[in-house]
N, C-alpha and C. Protein backbone atom coordinates (compact mmCIF):
# COMPACT_ATOMS: atom_id res chain seq x y z
N ILE A 1 3.26 -1.87 -9.80
CA ILE A 1 4.67 -1.89 -10.20
C ILE A 1 4.92 -0.72 -11.14
N ILE A 2 6.10 -0.24 -11.09
CA ILE A 2 6.47 0.86 -11.96
C ILE A 2 6.73 0.28 -13.33
N GLU A 3 5.96 0.75 -14.28
CA GLU A 3 6.01 0.16 -15.61
C GLU A 3 7.14 0.76 -16.44
N ASP A 4 7.69 -0.06 -17.29
CA ASP A 4 8.68 0.35 -18.28
C ASP A 4 10.00 0.85 -17.68
N LEU A 5 10.30 0.48 -16.45
CA LEU A 5 11.58 0.88 -15.86
C LEU A 5 12.48 -0.34 -15.76
N GLN A 6 13.72 -0.18 -16.09
CA GLN A 6 14.70 -1.26 -16.02
C GLN A 6 15.49 -1.13 -14.73
N TRP A 7 14.99 -1.73 -13.64
CA TRP A 7 15.63 -1.53 -12.34
C TRP A 7 16.98 -2.21 -12.25
N GLU A 8 17.23 -3.22 -13.04
CA GLU A 8 18.56 -3.83 -12.98
C GLU A 8 19.63 -2.87 -13.51
N ARG A 9 19.21 -1.86 -14.23
CA ARG A 9 20.13 -0.83 -14.74
C ARG A 9 19.54 0.54 -14.46
N ALA A 10 19.19 0.80 -13.20
CA ALA A 10 18.55 2.07 -12.86
C ALA A 10 19.50 3.22 -13.17
N THR A 11 18.92 4.27 -13.68
CA THR A 11 19.67 5.47 -14.02
C THR A 11 18.99 6.64 -13.34
N PRO A 12 19.62 7.79 -13.36
CA PRO A 12 18.93 8.96 -12.81
C PRO A 12 17.57 9.19 -13.46
N THR A 13 17.43 8.82 -14.72
CA THR A 13 16.15 8.99 -15.40
C THR A 13 15.08 8.11 -14.79
N THR A 14 15.38 6.84 -14.51
CA THR A 14 14.37 5.95 -13.94
C THR A 14 14.01 6.36 -12.52
N ILE A 15 14.98 6.82 -11.75
CA ILE A 15 14.70 7.30 -10.40
C ILE A 15 13.83 8.55 -10.49
N THR A 16 14.12 9.40 -11.44
CA THR A 16 13.31 10.61 -11.64
C THR A 16 11.89 10.23 -12.05
N GLU A 17 11.73 9.21 -12.87
CA GLU A 17 10.40 8.76 -13.27
C GLU A 17 9.59 8.29 -12.06
N LEU A 18 10.24 7.56 -11.17
CA LEU A 18 9.57 7.12 -9.95
C LEU A 18 9.12 8.34 -9.14
N LYS A 19 10.02 9.28 -8.97
CA LYS A 19 9.69 10.49 -8.22
C LYS A 19 8.51 11.23 -8.86
N LEU A 20 8.52 11.34 -10.18
CA LEU A 20 7.43 12.03 -10.86
C LEU A 20 6.11 11.27 -10.73
N GLN A 21 6.16 9.94 -10.75
CA GLN A 21 4.94 9.16 -10.58
C GLN A 21 4.37 9.32 -9.17
N LEU A 22 5.25 9.53 -8.18
CA LEU A 22 4.79 9.70 -6.81
C LEU A 22 4.38 11.13 -6.48
N LYS A 23 4.70 12.07 -7.36
CA LYS A 23 4.46 13.48 -7.06
C LYS A 23 3.01 13.80 -6.69
N PRO A 24 1.99 13.33 -7.43
CA PRO A 24 0.61 13.63 -7.02
C PRO A 24 0.28 13.09 -5.62
N TYR A 25 0.75 11.89 -5.31
CA TYR A 25 0.54 11.32 -3.97
C TYR A 25 1.21 12.18 -2.91
N LEU A 26 2.46 12.56 -3.15
CA LEU A 26 3.19 13.37 -2.18
C LEU A 26 2.55 14.74 -1.99
N LEU A 27 2.06 15.33 -3.06
CA LEU A 27 1.36 16.62 -2.95
C LEU A 27 0.07 16.48 -2.13
N LYS A 28 -0.65 15.39 -2.36
CA LYS A 28 -1.88 15.12 -1.60
C LYS A 28 -1.55 14.96 -0.11
N MET A 29 -0.49 14.22 0.19
CA MET A 29 -0.11 14.02 1.59
C MET A 29 0.42 15.31 2.22
N ALA A 30 1.11 16.14 1.44
CA ALA A 30 1.58 17.43 1.95
C ALA A 30 0.40 18.33 2.31
N GLN A 31 -0.64 18.31 1.48
CA GLN A 31 -1.84 19.09 1.77
C GLN A 31 -2.50 18.59 3.05
N GLU A 32 -2.56 17.27 3.20
CA GLU A 32 -3.14 16.69 4.42
C GLU A 32 -2.32 17.11 5.64
N THR A 33 -1.01 17.09 5.52
CA THR A 33 -0.14 17.52 6.62
C THR A 33 -0.42 18.98 6.98
N HIS A 34 -0.56 19.81 5.97
CA HIS A 34 -0.85 21.23 6.19
C HIS A 34 -2.17 21.42 6.92
N GLU A 35 -3.18 20.66 6.53
CA GLU A 35 -4.51 20.82 7.09
C GLU A 35 -4.68 20.20 8.47
N THR A 36 -4.00 19.08 8.73
CA THR A 36 -4.24 18.35 9.97
C THR A 36 -3.09 18.43 10.97
N GLY A 37 -1.89 18.74 10.49
CA GLY A 37 -0.73 18.75 11.37
C GLY A 37 -0.11 17.38 11.57
N VAL A 38 -0.71 16.34 10.99
CA VAL A 38 -0.15 14.99 11.08
C VAL A 38 1.03 14.92 10.11
N PRO A 39 2.22 14.55 10.59
CA PRO A 39 3.39 14.54 9.71
C PRO A 39 3.24 13.60 8.52
N MET A 40 3.87 13.97 7.42
CA MET A 40 3.86 13.10 6.24
C MET A 40 4.73 11.87 6.50
N MET A 41 5.86 12.06 7.15
CA MET A 41 6.77 10.97 7.49
C MET A 41 6.45 10.56 8.93
N ARG A 42 5.80 9.40 9.08
CA ARG A 42 5.21 9.02 10.36
C ARG A 42 5.85 7.78 10.95
N ALA A 43 6.01 7.80 12.25
CA ALA A 43 6.42 6.59 12.96
C ALA A 43 5.33 5.53 12.78
N MET A 44 5.74 4.29 12.73
CA MET A 44 4.78 3.20 12.51
C MET A 44 3.68 3.19 13.57
N VAL A 45 4.04 3.49 14.81
CA VAL A 45 3.06 3.46 15.90
C VAL A 45 2.00 4.53 15.72
N LEU A 46 2.31 5.61 15.06
CA LEU A 46 1.31 6.66 14.81
C LEU A 46 0.22 6.16 13.86
N GLU A 47 0.62 5.39 12.88
CA GLU A 47 -0.35 4.87 11.90
C GLU A 47 -1.03 3.58 12.38
N PHE A 48 -0.33 2.80 13.23
CA PHE A 48 -0.86 1.52 13.70
C PHE A 48 -0.75 1.44 15.22
N PRO A 49 -1.53 2.25 15.94
CA PRO A 49 -1.41 2.31 17.40
C PRO A 49 -1.85 1.02 18.11
N ASP A 50 -2.65 0.20 17.45
CA ASP A 50 -3.13 -1.04 18.08
C ASP A 50 -2.23 -2.24 17.81
N ASP A 51 -1.15 -2.04 17.07
CA ASP A 51 -0.21 -3.13 16.77
C ASP A 51 1.01 -2.98 17.69
N PRO A 52 1.12 -3.81 18.72
CA PRO A 52 2.23 -3.66 19.67
C PRO A 52 3.61 -3.80 19.03
N THR A 53 3.71 -4.51 17.93
CA THR A 53 5.00 -4.64 17.26
C THR A 53 5.49 -3.30 16.74
N CYS A 54 4.58 -2.41 16.38
CA CYS A 54 4.96 -1.11 15.82
C CYS A 54 5.46 -0.12 16.88
N GLU A 55 5.27 -0.42 18.15
CA GLU A 55 5.62 0.52 19.21
C GLU A 55 7.09 0.89 19.22
N ASP A 56 7.96 -0.04 18.93
CA ASP A 56 9.40 0.20 19.06
C ASP A 56 10.16 0.23 17.75
N ILE A 57 9.48 0.20 16.63
CA ILE A 57 10.17 0.18 15.33
C ILE A 57 10.68 1.58 15.00
N ASP A 58 12.00 1.69 14.82
CA ASP A 58 12.58 2.98 14.45
C ASP A 58 13.43 2.89 13.18
N THR A 59 13.28 1.81 12.44
CA THR A 59 14.07 1.63 11.22
C THR A 59 13.20 1.63 9.96
N GLN A 60 11.96 2.02 10.10
CA GLN A 60 11.07 2.14 8.95
C GLN A 60 10.01 3.17 9.32
N TYR A 61 9.27 3.63 8.31
CA TYR A 61 8.27 4.65 8.58
C TYR A 61 7.19 4.60 7.51
N MET A 62 6.09 5.27 7.81
CA MET A 62 5.04 5.46 6.82
C MET A 62 5.27 6.81 6.17
N LEU A 63 5.18 6.85 4.85
CA LEU A 63 5.26 8.09 4.09
C LEU A 63 3.83 8.40 3.64
N GLY A 64 3.16 9.23 4.42
CA GLY A 64 1.74 9.47 4.19
C GLY A 64 0.93 8.27 4.66
N ASP A 65 -0.29 8.19 4.16
CA ASP A 65 -1.21 7.13 4.59
C ASP A 65 -0.89 5.77 4.01
N ASP A 66 -0.27 5.73 2.83
CA ASP A 66 -0.28 4.49 2.05
C ASP A 66 1.07 3.87 1.71
N LEU A 67 2.18 4.50 2.06
CA LEU A 67 3.50 3.94 1.71
C LEU A 67 4.32 3.63 2.96
N LEU A 68 4.76 2.40 3.05
CA LEU A 68 5.69 1.98 4.09
C LEU A 68 7.08 1.99 3.47
N VAL A 69 8.02 2.67 4.12
CA VAL A 69 9.38 2.78 3.61
C VAL A 69 10.33 2.20 4.65
N ALA A 70 11.19 1.29 4.22
CA ALA A 70 12.19 0.68 5.11
C ALA A 70 13.57 0.90 4.49
N PRO A 71 14.26 1.96 4.89
CA PRO A 71 15.58 2.23 4.33
C PRO A 71 16.55 1.07 4.59
N VAL A 72 17.50 0.92 3.69
CA VAL A 72 18.54 -0.10 3.85
C VAL A 72 19.72 0.56 4.55
N PHE A 73 20.06 0.07 5.74
CA PHE A 73 21.12 0.67 6.54
C PHE A 73 22.44 -0.08 6.47
N ARG A 74 22.42 -1.30 5.97
CA ARG A 74 23.63 -2.13 5.98
C ARG A 74 24.33 -2.07 4.63
N GLU A 75 25.65 -2.14 4.67
CA GLU A 75 26.45 -2.11 3.44
C GLU A 75 26.18 -3.30 2.53
N ASP A 76 25.82 -4.44 3.12
CA ASP A 76 25.56 -5.62 2.30
C ASP A 76 24.16 -5.61 1.68
N GLY A 77 23.39 -4.56 1.94
CA GLY A 77 22.08 -4.42 1.32
C GLY A 77 20.95 -5.16 2.01
N VAL A 78 21.22 -5.76 3.16
CA VAL A 78 20.18 -6.50 3.87
C VAL A 78 19.30 -5.52 4.65
N ALA A 79 18.01 -5.67 4.46
CA ALA A 79 17.04 -4.86 5.18
C ALA A 79 16.08 -5.79 5.93
N ARG A 80 15.76 -5.41 7.15
CA ARG A 80 14.79 -6.15 7.95
C ARG A 80 13.63 -5.19 8.21
N PHE A 81 12.41 -5.65 7.91
CA PHE A 81 11.27 -4.77 8.09
C PHE A 81 10.03 -5.57 8.47
N TYR A 82 9.09 -4.86 9.08
CA TYR A 82 7.84 -5.45 9.55
C TYR A 82 6.69 -4.91 8.71
N VAL A 83 5.80 -5.80 8.31
CA VAL A 83 4.62 -5.41 7.55
C VAL A 83 3.40 -5.56 8.47
N PRO A 84 2.80 -4.44 8.85
CA PRO A 84 1.65 -4.50 9.75
C PRO A 84 0.38 -4.92 9.03
N ASP A 85 -0.59 -5.34 9.82
CA ASP A 85 -1.92 -5.64 9.27
C ASP A 85 -2.74 -4.37 9.40
N ASP A 86 -3.21 -3.87 8.29
CA ASP A 86 -3.99 -2.61 8.31
C ASP A 86 -5.47 -2.87 8.59
N GLY A 87 -5.78 -4.08 8.99
CA GLY A 87 -7.17 -4.43 9.28
C GLY A 87 -7.85 -5.21 8.17
N THR A 88 -7.21 -5.27 7.01
CA THR A 88 -7.82 -5.98 5.89
C THR A 88 -7.31 -7.42 5.78
N GLY A 89 -6.14 -7.69 6.36
CA GLY A 89 -5.54 -9.01 6.23
C GLY A 89 -4.92 -9.26 4.87
N GLN A 90 -4.92 -8.24 4.00
CA GLN A 90 -4.39 -8.39 2.65
C GLN A 90 -2.91 -8.02 2.58
N ALA A 91 -2.26 -8.50 1.54
CA ALA A 91 -0.83 -8.28 1.36
C ALA A 91 -0.54 -6.85 0.92
N TRP A 92 0.63 -6.35 1.35
CA TRP A 92 1.18 -5.08 0.88
C TRP A 92 2.05 -5.39 -0.33
N THR A 93 2.25 -4.43 -1.23
CA THR A 93 3.01 -4.67 -2.45
C THR A 93 4.13 -3.65 -2.60
N ASN A 94 5.33 -4.15 -2.89
CA ASN A 94 6.46 -3.26 -3.15
C ASN A 94 6.21 -2.57 -4.49
N ILE A 95 6.20 -1.24 -4.51
CA ILE A 95 5.87 -0.52 -5.74
C ILE A 95 7.01 -0.55 -6.75
N ILE A 96 8.19 -0.97 -6.34
CA ILE A 96 9.32 -1.05 -7.26
C ILE A 96 9.44 -2.44 -7.86
N THR A 97 9.30 -3.47 -7.03
CA THR A 97 9.52 -4.85 -7.48
C THR A 97 8.24 -5.64 -7.72
N ASP A 98 7.11 -5.14 -7.26
CA ASP A 98 5.81 -5.81 -7.36
C ASP A 98 5.74 -7.07 -6.49
N THR A 99 6.61 -7.20 -5.51
CA THR A 99 6.59 -8.32 -4.58
C THR A 99 5.51 -8.09 -3.54
N ALA A 100 4.74 -9.13 -3.23
CA ALA A 100 3.68 -9.04 -2.22
C ALA A 100 4.20 -9.56 -0.88
N TYR A 101 3.74 -8.91 0.21
CA TYR A 101 4.16 -9.26 1.56
C TYR A 101 2.94 -9.42 2.44
N GLU A 102 2.82 -10.60 3.04
CA GLU A 102 1.71 -10.87 3.95
C GLU A 102 1.88 -10.03 5.21
N PRO A 103 0.77 -9.52 5.75
CA PRO A 103 0.86 -8.67 6.94
C PRO A 103 1.13 -9.46 8.22
N GLY A 104 1.61 -8.73 9.23
CA GLY A 104 1.85 -9.33 10.54
C GLY A 104 3.13 -10.12 10.62
N LYS A 105 4.07 -9.88 9.68
CA LYS A 105 5.31 -10.65 9.64
C LYS A 105 6.52 -9.74 9.47
N TRP A 106 7.67 -10.24 9.95
CA TRP A 106 8.96 -9.60 9.71
C TRP A 106 9.59 -10.24 8.48
N TYR A 107 10.29 -9.44 7.71
CA TYR A 107 10.98 -9.93 6.51
C TYR A 107 12.42 -9.46 6.55
N THR A 108 13.32 -10.31 6.07
CA THR A 108 14.73 -9.96 5.91
C THR A 108 15.09 -10.28 4.48
N GLU A 109 15.50 -9.25 3.74
CA GLU A 109 15.80 -9.42 2.31
C GLU A 109 17.00 -8.57 1.94
N GLN A 110 17.63 -8.96 0.85
CA GLN A 110 18.77 -8.21 0.35
C GLN A 110 18.34 -7.36 -0.84
N TYR A 111 18.81 -6.12 -0.85
CA TYR A 111 18.48 -5.16 -1.91
C TYR A 111 19.76 -4.62 -2.51
N ASP A 112 19.66 -4.12 -3.73
CA ASP A 112 20.82 -3.49 -4.35
C ASP A 112 20.66 -1.97 -4.25
N TYR A 113 21.51 -1.24 -4.94
CA TYR A 113 21.47 0.22 -4.86
C TYR A 113 20.23 0.82 -5.50
N HIS A 114 19.49 0.05 -6.25
CA HIS A 114 18.38 0.59 -7.02
C HIS A 114 17.01 0.22 -6.47
N THR A 115 16.98 -0.56 -5.41
CA THR A 115 15.71 -0.97 -4.83
C THR A 115 15.76 -0.87 -3.32
N LEU A 116 14.61 -0.86 -2.72
CA LEU A 116 14.46 -0.91 -1.28
C LEU A 116 13.00 -1.23 -1.00
N PRO A 117 12.68 -1.58 0.23
CA PRO A 117 11.28 -1.83 0.54
C PRO A 117 10.48 -0.53 0.55
N VAL A 118 9.62 -0.37 -0.43
CA VAL A 118 8.65 0.73 -0.50
C VAL A 118 7.32 0.05 -0.80
N LEU A 119 6.53 -0.17 0.25
CA LEU A 119 5.33 -0.99 0.12
C LEU A 119 4.06 -0.15 0.14
N ALA A 120 3.16 -0.46 -0.78
CA ALA A 120 1.86 0.20 -0.84
C ALA A 120 0.86 -0.57 0.03
N ARG A 121 0.11 0.18 0.79
CA ARG A 121 -0.95 -0.39 1.63
C ARG A 121 -1.95 -1.12 0.73
N PRO A 122 -2.51 -2.24 1.20
CA PRO A 122 -3.49 -2.97 0.40
C PRO A 122 -4.64 -2.07 -0.05
N GLY A 123 -5.02 -2.23 -1.31
CA GLY A 123 -6.14 -1.49 -1.84
C GLY A 123 -5.82 -0.06 -2.26
N THR A 124 -4.53 0.31 -2.23
CA THR A 124 -4.15 1.66 -2.63
C THR A 124 -3.19 1.61 -3.80
N ASP A 125 -3.05 2.72 -4.49
CA ASP A 125 -2.12 2.81 -5.60
C ASP A 125 -1.50 4.22 -5.61
N PRO A 126 -0.49 4.43 -4.76
CA PRO A 126 0.12 5.77 -4.67
C PRO A 126 0.76 6.26 -5.96
N LEU A 127 1.00 5.36 -6.91
CA LEU A 127 1.60 5.78 -8.17
C LEU A 127 0.56 6.37 -9.13
N HIS A 128 -0.71 6.19 -8.82
CA HIS A 128 -1.77 6.69 -9.70
C HIS A 128 -2.85 7.39 -8.87
N VAL A 129 -2.49 8.49 -8.25
CA VAL A 129 -3.45 9.25 -7.43
C VAL A 129 -4.19 10.24 -8.29
């Protein structure tokens, strides 16, 4: 979870803090993209080719190896997203809210302007690379 941030009153400063905390992870993934040609922003099926549910998902993506991002497209803030099993059977965690999500399930939740589903793969910590 992002420490010391007041998400109920997010400001440009708190959003900037999140961006700065993710910067080392994003730089690492950019280097990997440069070296391998694998895009940083990946379709779910590229990261989880053995999960048939991921074949047709076009409303969420992987940001590098460890972050699942599900943008909120509806005005009412409702987002529907799928959490794949990465082979560990362990829960993914939203890096903004610290909510855990069991793999292999669809979720429908409401978000405000300051949050969205940004889930860390089990066993990873993209905020502290």
